[in-house]
Structures are given as structure tokens and as C-alpha cells.
């Protein structure tokens, strides 16, 4: 699967945040739902325009972003 089929960015929508195509749901928003304990099933039930592939694309996008960047965590916050 290619995440670019599902994720895009438009500077005129949501200030250019990456979002799922044909929605106004940002990658950040979907990740926030997972961080708050939502399941894939809950997300798909509450946002019926989403597909399981679109949700998977969110993770593929984030994985690629993390692979291409160096992330350093401040030890003071751990």
C-alpha cells in the first residue's frame, strides 16, 4: 500500500496539515484518537467515510516521517 493514495496536504485546508483525502480529518487528529484509547473499529464507526486502508495509511505516513527524521527526547521530561 502507498500512503500517498490516502494522505495529502493542502495549504488552504487545516493550515496544510497532512490529512486523509476526501475528509477534513488530519493525521494528528486520528493519532490523537488512538492515543486516547480509541480502537480502529470505534474510529471507523464514528467516521464512516474512512476505510481501514486510510487508517493504516496514517501509520505508514507517520512511520516514514519518523524514519526520515532524527527525534531526540529531552531526558528531563522522562
Protein backbone atom coordinates (compact mmCIF):
# COMPACT_ATOMS: atom_id res chain seq x y z
CA UNK A 1 0.00 0.00 0.00
CA UNK A 2 1.18 3.50 -0.79
CA UNK A 3 0.18 6.03 1.89
CA UNK A 4 0.16 8.83 -0.71
CA UNK A 5 -3.07 7.37 -2.10
CA UNK A 6 -4.76 8.28 1.19
CA UNK A 7 -2.85 11.17 2.78
CA UNK A 8 -2.31 14.63 1.34
CA UNK A 9 -1.67 18.20 2.36
CA UNK A 10 -3.32 21.35 1.06
CA UNK A 11 -2.13 24.72 2.41
CA UNK A 12 -5.69 26.02 2.06
CA UNK A 13 -7.14 23.32 4.35
CA UNK A 14 -6.20 22.85 8.02
CA UNK A 15 -3.16 25.08 7.52
CA UNK A 16 -1.55 22.41 5.37
CA UNK A 17 -1.59 19.67 8.00
CA UNK A 18 -1.44 16.18 6.49
CA UNK A 19 -4.96 14.79 6.29
CA UNK A 20 -6.89 11.88 4.90
CA UNK A 21 -8.06 12.59 1.35
CA UNK A 22 -11.73 13.48 0.87
CA UNK A 23 -12.04 14.36 4.57
CA UNK A 24 -11.07 17.13 6.92
CA UNK A 25 -9.56 14.62 9.33
CA UNK A 26 -5.90 15.27 9.99
CA UNK A 27 -3.30 12.61 10.69
CA UNK A 28 -2.75 14.36 14.01
CA UNK A 29 -6.46 14.02 14.89
CA UNK A 30 -6.56 10.30 14.08
CA UNK A 31 -3.40 9.66 16.10
CA UNK A 32 -4.95 11.60 18.97
CA UNK A 33 -7.97 9.29 18.94
CA UNK A 34 -5.66 6.28 19.22
CA UNK A 35 -3.68 8.00 21.98
CA UNK A 36 -6.95 8.42 23.88
CA UNK A 37 -7.74 4.72 23.66
CA UNK A 38 -9.99 4.54 20.61
CA UNK A 39 -9.89 1.34 18.58
CA UNK A 40 -9.87 1.10 14.80
CA UNK A 41 -13.45 -0.14 14.99
CA UNK A 42 -14.56 2.88 17.04
CA UNK A 43 -12.91 5.27 14.61
CA UNK A 44 -14.48 3.58 11.58
CA UNK A 45 -17.90 3.51 13.28
CA UNK A 46 -17.71 7.21 14.16
CA UNK A 47 -16.22 8.34 10.85
CA UNK A 48 -17.93 6.13 8.23
CA UNK A 49 -16.19 7.84 5.31
CA UNK A 50 -12.89 6.33 6.49
CA UNK A 51 -11.68 2.94 5.37
CA UNK A 52 -9.36 0.53 7.16
CA UNK A 53 -6.80 1.27 4.45
CA UNK A 54 -6.96 5.01 5.18
CA UNK A 55 -6.33 4.34 8.87
CA UNK A 56 -3.40 2.07 8.00
CA UNK A 57 -2.05 4.82 5.72
CA UNK A 58 -1.92 7.16 8.73
CA UNK A 59 0.51 4.79 10.43
CA UNK A 60 2.52 4.26 7.27
CA UNK A 61 2.85 8.03 6.85
CA UNK A 62 3.97 8.53 10.45
CA UNK A 63 6.42 5.62 10.25
CA UNK A 64 8.00 7.13 7.15
CA UNK A 65 8.20 10.55 8.80
CA UNK A 66 9.90 9.09 11.84
CA UNK A 67 12.30 7.04 9.75
CA UNK A 68 13.36 10.13 7.83
CA UNK A 69 13.84 12.35 10.90
CA UNK A 70 16.00 12.19 13.97
CA UNK A 71 13.88 12.52 17.07
CA UNK A 72 15.52 13.41 20.34
CA UNK A 73 13.64 13.25 23.60
CA UNK A 74 14.67 15.63 26.36
CA UNK A 75 15.64 13.34 29.28
CA UNK A 76 14.14 15.89 31.70
CA UNK A 77 10.63 15.04 30.51
CA UNK A 78 11.04 11.26 31.02
